[in-house]
Amino acid sequence: MNINILNATRKTFFVICAFLGLGLSNTYAESTLLKNGAYKSLGIGTGYYYYGEVDENGAHIMNLDMALLNIYGNLGYVASGGFKIDFALDANIALGQYTGGILDVSDGEKDKQRLVSFMMSSFYHAEVKAGYNLLKAFLAENASLYFQAGLGYYFNRTDLLTMDRLQGYLYVPIQLEGEVALSEKWAINYMGGINVFVLGNHLSTSTKWHFSRDLDVLQDEGLGAKAYIGATYKTKNDRVNSFRLVYEYWSLADSPGVRVTKPDYKDKTGATIIRTGLYEPKNSSHILTIQYLWNF
């Protein structure tokens, strides 16, 4: 596993232990800030999105640096026995800078040039998870620690292109998520986990750029991780709202290649260049989001 993910997981574990110590030591009545029974929330957010590709030698191909806007929705239920089911959706739009090569070319020499331009992407998550509160056996009233897992799907598209470029990842999230009540008006929320990559699909409709076929391939090697830290509090009107900082990471290996031709893609002699290695390169994503949630 990636060393950075291991280090982040280790730090998350120590933070969770500290929070649990605070929660288990509280003596006041069970906090109304912790999830109990049916719950739901709506939120908005903003942040930073990075997507980058490298070739088989690790050399830079392209990257996106973008500001993002986020809309988030969540609903779930915590049973009295400590079991939880949770469903979450979000939608994101990102605007920013593309730095990379010129892909649609009529002269083989032009693919060596670099291009900086404006780009837009959109991406979405859907997750359903079930979990159990590991602290239920300790009768903790002011802290929870859920071990949870489920199924998730991440869908990404690059906009403002004359061809469609779509990516989807099916994965299994395995997480620890919990809450610690610090007082009657404040609680800490946290989560850390990995996304076990199951299967990915990449589609680039390269025929719109006059290639002989589309790049439509499956990907089966990758990994992901996600974590957040935040707080829930009571307003002056006794409403319960939250805010949090969320980080998500993805890394995917390169896809299988496809053999294509492009009639107007010629070398200096005028001969048609056959592209035998059209593929989705190795890529990584970093998504950092600040969210504000209204809980109901």
Protein backbone atom coordinates (compact mmCIF):
# COMPACT_ATOMS: atom_id res chain seq x y z
CA MET A 1 0.00 0.00 0.00
CA ASN A 2 1.13 3.55 -0.65
CA ILE A 3 3.38 4.82 2.20
CA ASN A 4 1.52 8.13 2.37
CA ILE A 5 -1.76 6.28 2.94
CA LEU A 6 -0.18 4.18 5.70
CA ASN A 7 1.15 7.28 7.45
CA ALA A 8 -2.21 9.01 7.17
CA THR A 9 -3.98 5.92 8.53
CA ARG A 10 -1.57 5.75 11.48
CA LYS A 11 -2.15 9.40 12.34
CA THR A 12 -5.90 8.94 12.05
CA PHE A 13 -5.74 6.01 14.48
CA PHE A 14 -3.93 8.08 17.13
CA VAL A 15 -6.39 10.94 16.75
CA ILE A 16 -9.32 8.53 17.13
CA CYS A 17 -7.82 7.07 20.32
CA ALA A 18 -7.48 10.56 21.80
CA PHE A 19 -11.07 11.43 20.94
CA LEU A 20 -12.36 8.17 22.40
CA GLY A 21 -10.60 8.91 25.65
CA LEU A 22 -12.43 12.21 25.88
CA GLY A 23 -15.78 10.67 25.04
CA LEU A 24 -15.55 7.74 27.44
CA SER A 25 -14.60 10.05 30.30
CA ASN A 26 -17.69 12.28 29.97
CA THR A 27 -20.23 11.88 32.76
CA TYR A 28 -23.18 13.98 31.55
CA ALA A 29 -26.30 12.45 29.98
CA GLU A 30 -26.28 10.93 26.51
CA SER A 31 -25.52 13.64 23.97
CA THR A 32 -28.24 14.72 21.54
CA LEU A 33 -25.49 15.65 19.06
CA LEU A 34 -24.63 12.01 18.31
CA LYS A 35 -26.52 10.15 15.59
CA ASN A 36 -29.45 8.19 16.97
CA GLY A 37 -32.46 6.83 15.12
CA ALA A 38 -33.21 8.34 11.72
CA TYR A 39 -30.93 11.15 10.55
CA LYS A 40 -30.38 13.15 7.39
CA SER A 41 -28.34 16.14 6.26
CA LEU A 42 -27.80 18.46 3.32
CA GLY A 43 -24.60 20.36 2.70
CA ILE A 44 -22.55 22.55 0.42
CA GLY A 45 -18.82 22.83 0.06
CA THR A 46 -15.85 24.19 -1.79
CA GLY A 47 -12.31 23.02 -2.25
CA TYR A 48 -9.52 21.86 -4.55
CA TYR A 49 -9.37 19.09 -7.16
CA TYR A 50 -6.18 17.72 -8.71
CA TYR A 51 -5.96 15.05 -11.41
CA GLY A 52 -2.66 14.02 -12.98
CA GLU A 53 -1.38 11.45 -15.47
CA VAL A 54 2.10 10.00 -16.01
CA ASP A 55 3.50 7.60 -18.60
CA GLU A 56 5.09 4.20 -17.99
CA ASN A 57 8.38 5.91 -17.08
CA GLY A 58 6.74 8.28 -14.59
CA ALA A 59 7.07 11.32 -16.86
CA HIS A 60 4.34 13.96 -16.68
CA ILE A 61 1.63 13.76 -19.35
CA MET A 62 -1.05 16.14 -18.09
CA ASN A 63 -2.67 17.50 -14.97
CA LEU A 64 -5.73 19.46 -13.88
CA ASP A 65 -5.63 22.04 -11.05
CA MET A 66 -9.16 23.16 -10.22
CA ALA A 67 -11.39 24.86 -7.69
CA LEU A 68 -14.55 22.91 -6.93
CA LEU A 69 -18.11 23.42 -5.69
CA ASN A 70 -19.87 20.59 -3.87
CA ILE A 71 -23.45 19.61 -3.00
CA TYR A 72 -23.91 16.75 -0.52
CA GLY A 73 -26.83 14.71 0.81
CA ASN A 74 -26.92 11.99 3.44
CA LEU A 75 -29.53 9.88 5.22
CA GLY A 76 -29.34 6.92 7.53
CA TYR A 77 -30.60 5.12 10.58
CA VAL A 78 -28.93 4.05 13.84
CA ALA A 79 -30.73 1.21 15.61
CA SER A 80 -30.82 0.82 19.38
CA GLY A 81 -28.61 -2.26 19.12
CA GLY A 82 -25.75 -0.23 17.65
CA PHE A 83 -26.19 -1.10 13.99
CA LYS A 84 -26.23 1.64 11.35
CA ILE A 85 -27.11 1.93 7.68
CA ASP A 86 -26.05 5.00 5.73
CA PHE A 87 -26.58 6.33 2.21
CA ALA A 88 -24.73 9.34 0.76
CA LEU A 89 -24.68 11.19 -2.56
CA ASP A 90 -22.71 14.17 -3.76
CA ALA A 91 -22.18 16.18 -6.94
CA ASN A 92 -19.18 18.35 -7.75
CA ILE A 93 -18.22 20.77 -10.48
CA ALA A 94 -14.58 21.84 -10.88
CA LEU A 95 -13.14 24.68 -12.93
CA GLY A 96 -9.49 25.42 -13.53
CA GLN A 97 -6.32 24.87 -15.50
CA TYR A 98 -5.28 22.06 -17.81
CA THR A 99 -1.54 21.60 -18.35
CA GLY A 100 -0.47 18.98 -20.87
CA GLY A 101 0.10 18.01 -24.45
CA ILE A 102 -1.91 18.81 -27.57
CA LEU A 103 -3.88 15.64 -28.18
CA ASP A 104 -5.81 16.38 -31.37
CA VAL A 105 -3.06 16.96 -33.92
CA SER A 106 -2.59 16.84 -37.68
CA ASP A 107 1.21 16.80 -37.51
CA GLY A 108 3.10 14.21 -35.49
CA GLU A 109 5.50 16.86 -34.20
CA LYS A 110 2.79 18.82 -32.43
CA ASP A 111 2.26 16.23 -29.72
CA LYS A 112 5.57 17.40 -28.23
CA GLN A 113 4.19 20.86 -27.52
CA ARG A 114 2.75 21.82 -24.15
CA LEU A 115 -0.63 23.45 -23.71
CA VAL A 116 -2.12 25.42 -20.82
CA SER A 117 -5.84 26.06 -21.09
CA PHE A 118 -9.12 26.40 -19.18
CA MET A 119 -10.96 23.17 -18.38
CA MET A 120 -14.04 21.97 -16.52
CA SER A 121 -14.74 18.60 -14.86
CA SER A 122 -17.64 17.17 -12.92
CA PHE A 123 -17.67 14.16 -10.62
CA TYR A 124 -20.10 12.32 -8.37
CA HIS A 125 -20.13 9.78 -5.53
CA ALA A 126 -22.80 7.32 -4.36
CA GLU A 127 -22.22 5.12 -1.30
CA VAL A 128 -24.31 2.74 0.78
CA LYS A 129 -22.74 1.38 3.98
CA ALA A 130 -23.68 -0.70 7.00
CA GLY A 131 -21.84 -0.56 10.30
CA TYR A 132 -21.76 -1.43 13.97
CA ASN A 133 -20.83 0.77 16.93
CA LEU A 134 -17.83 -0.93 18.54
CA LEU A 135 -18.32 1.11 21.73
CA LYS A 136 -21.84 -0.21 22.30
CA ALA A 137 -20.47 -3.00 24.49
CA PHE A 138 -18.83 -0.37 26.72
CA LEU A 139 -22.15 1.48 27.23
CA ALA A 140 -20.51 4.69 26.01
CA GLU A 141 -23.18 7.40 25.85
CA ASN A 142 -21.04 10.24 24.54
CA ALA A 143 -18.88 8.56 21.93
CA SER A 144 -19.35 6.20 19.01
CA LEU A 145 -16.96 4.29 16.79
CA TYR A 146 -18.54 2.51 13.83
CA PHE A 147 -16.77 -0.13 11.82
CA GLN A 148 -18.53 0.07 8.46
CA ALA A 149 -18.30 -1.19 4.92
CA GLY A 150 -20.45 -1.18 1.82
CA LEU A 151 -20.42 -0.37 -1.86
CA GLY A 152 -19.54 2.86 -3.65
CA TYR A 153 -19.34 4.30 -7.15
CA TYR A 154 -17.28 7.28 -8.28
CA PHE A 155 -18.05 8.82 -11.67
CA ASN A 156 -15.93 11.49 -13.35
CA ARG A 157 -16.24 13.32 -16.66
CA THR A 158 -14.06 15.91 -18.36
CA ASP A 159 -16.21 18.67 -19.82
CA LEU A 160 -15.56 21.31 -22.50
CA LEU A 161 -14.06 18.71 -24.85
CA THR A 162 -15.32 17.86 -28.32
CA MET A 163 -15.09 14.20 -27.34
CA ASP A 164 -16.66 12.51 -24.31
CA ARG A 165 -14.22 11.41 -21.61
CA LEU A 166 -15.84 9.37 -18.83
CA GLN A 167 -14.42 7.37 -15.93
CA GLY A 168 -16.20 5.25 -13.34
CA TYR A 169 -14.83 3.35 -10.33
CA LEU A 170 -16.72 0.65 -8.42
CA TYR A 171 -15.25 0.16 -4.94
CA VAL A 172 -15.80 -1.18 -1.42
CA PRO A 173 -15.33 1.46 1.32
CA ILE A 174 -13.98 0.04 4.61
CA GLN A 175 -14.01 2.68 7.33
CA LEU A 176 -13.94 3.67 10.97
CA GLU A 177 -16.31 6.56 11.66
CA GLY A 178 -17.23 8.10 14.99
CA GLU A 179 -18.30 10.99 17.15
CA VAL A 180 -17.21 12.32 20.54
CA ALA A 181 -19.37 14.74 22.51
CA LEU A 182 -17.20 17.42 24.14
CA SER A 183 -20.09 19.27 25.76
CA GLU A 184 -23.84 19.67 25.41
CA LYS A 185 -23.27 21.98 22.44
CA TRP A 186 -20.20 20.57 20.66
CA ALA A 187 -19.09 17.21 19.30
CA ILE A 188 -16.14 16.08 17.20
CA ASN A 189 -16.76 13.93 14.09
CA TYR A 190 -14.13 11.88 12.27
CA MET A 191 -13.71 9.15 9.69
CA GLY A 192 -10.85 7.32 8.03
CA GLY A 193 -10.75 4.40 5.66
CA ILE A 194 -9.67 2.82 2.42
CA ASN A 195 -11.57 2.32 -0.82
CA VAL A 196 -10.90 -1.18 -2.12
CA PHE A 197 -10.94 -0.86 -5.89
CA VAL A 198 -13.14 -3.46 -7.61
CA LEU A 199 -13.44 -2.39 -11.24
CA GLY A 200 -13.09 0.72 -13.37
CA ASN A 201 -14.23 1.73 -16.81
CA HIS A 202 -12.76 4.42 -19.06
CA LEU A 203 -14.43 5.73 -22.21
CA SER A 204 -12.94 8.33 -24.52
CA THR A 205 -14.94 8.79 -27.73
CA SER A 206 -11.78 9.30 -29.75
CA THR A 207 -13.67 8.66 -32.99
CA LYS A 208 -14.87 12.27 -32.62
CA TRP A 209 -11.20 13.22 -33.10
CA HIS A 210 -11.05 11.03 -36.24
CA PHE A 211 -9.39 8.01 -34.66
CA SER A 212 -10.56 4.67 -36.02
CA ARG A 213 -12.13 3.52 -32.73
CA ASP A 214 -13.07 4.72 -29.26
CA LEU A 215 -10.96 3.97 -26.21
CA ASP A 216 -13.36 1.86 -24.17
CA VAL A 217 -11.45 -0.23 -21.62
CA LEU A 218 -11.80 -1.81 -18.19
CA GLN A 219 -9.36 -1.10 -15.36
CA ASP A 220 -8.77 -3.56 -12.54
CA GLU A 221 -5.83 -2.16 -10.58
CA GLY A 222 -6.11 0.82 -8.24
CA LEU A 223 -6.64 1.99 -4.69
CA GLY A 224 -8.28 4.83 -2.84
CA ALA A 225 -8.62 6.37 0.60
CA LYS A 226 -10.86 8.89 2.30
CA ALA A 227 -10.91 10.73 5.63
CA TYR A 228 -12.55 13.68 7.32
CA ILE A 229 -12.39 15.65 10.56
CA GLY A 230 -15.09 18.05 11.67
CA ALA A 231 -17.48 19.18 14.38
CA THR A 232 -21.21 19.25 15.12
CA TYR A 233 -22.69 22.05 17.19
CA LYS A 234 -25.98 23.49 18.41
CA THR A 235 -26.93 26.95 17.18
CA LYS A 236 -28.66 29.59 19.30
CA ASN A 237 -31.96 28.27 17.95
CA ASP A 238 -31.03 24.71 19.00
CA ARG A 239 -30.55 23.59 15.42
CA VAL A 240 -27.78 21.03 14.87
CA ASN A 241 -25.28 21.86 12.11
CA SER A 242 -21.85 20.52 11.15
CA PHE A 243 -18.71 21.47 9.30
CA ARG A 244 -15.80 19.29 8.22
CA LEU A 245 -12.66 18.97 6.11
CA VAL A 246 -12.74 15.99 3.72
CA TYR A 247 -9.80 14.48 1.83
CA GLU A 248 -10.06 11.81 -0.87
CA TYR A 249 -7.27 10.09 -2.80
CA TRP A 250 -7.28 7.80 -5.85
CA SER A 251 -4.48 6.08 -7.74
CA LEU A 252 -5.09 3.91 -10.82
CA ALA A 253 -2.69 1.89 -12.94
CA ASP A 254 -2.66 2.38 -16.69
CA SER A 255 -5.31 0.63 -18.74
CA PRO A 256 -4.89 -1.91 -21.58
CA GLY A 257 -4.07 -0.27 -24.90
CA VAL A 258 -6.01 -0.41 -28.15
CA ARG A 259 -4.73 -0.34 -31.74
CA VAL A 260 -6.07 2.63 -33.66
CA THR A 261 -5.29 4.65 -36.76
CA LYS A 262 -5.92 8.30 -37.58
CA PRO A 263 -6.06 9.17 -41.30
CA ASP A 264 -4.98 12.79 -40.85
CA TYR A 265 -2.21 11.93 -38.36
CA LYS A 266 0.91 11.67 -40.53
CA ASP A 267 4.63 11.76 -40.14
CA LYS A 268 6.99 14.03 -42.12
CA THR A 269 6.95 11.68 -45.11
CA GLY A 270 3.17 11.85 -45.35
CA ALA A 271 2.63 8.28 -44.17
CA THR A 272 -0.27 7.56 -41.82
CA ILE A 273 0.88 6.99 -38.25
CA ILE A 274 -0.58 3.89 -36.57
CA ARG A 275 -1.10 4.48 -32.87
CA THR A 276 -0.73 1.10 -31.21
CA GLY A 277 -0.60 2.40 -27.66
CA LEU A 278 -3.73 4.51 -27.19
CA TYR A 279 -4.57 3.89 -23.53
CA GLU A 280 -5.62 5.58 -20.29
CA PRO A 281 -2.35 6.40 -18.48
CA LYS A 282 -1.55 5.83 -14.82
CA ASN A 283 -3.29 8.60 -12.89
CA SER A 284 -3.92 9.97 -9.42
CA SER A 285 -6.53 12.28 -7.91
CA HIS A 286 -6.52 14.46 -4.79
CA ILE A 287 -9.80 16.03 -3.66
CA LEU A 288 -9.90 18.39 -0.68
CA THR A 289 -13.30 19.78 0.34
CA ILE A 290 -14.58 22.02 3.14
CA GLN A 291 -18.26 21.23 3.78
CA TYR A 292 -21.02 22.83 5.84
CA LEU A 293 -23.97 20.58 6.70
CA TRP A 294 -27.49 21.22 7.94
CA ASN A 295 -28.65 18.21 10.00
CA PHE A 296 -32.32 17.26 10.37
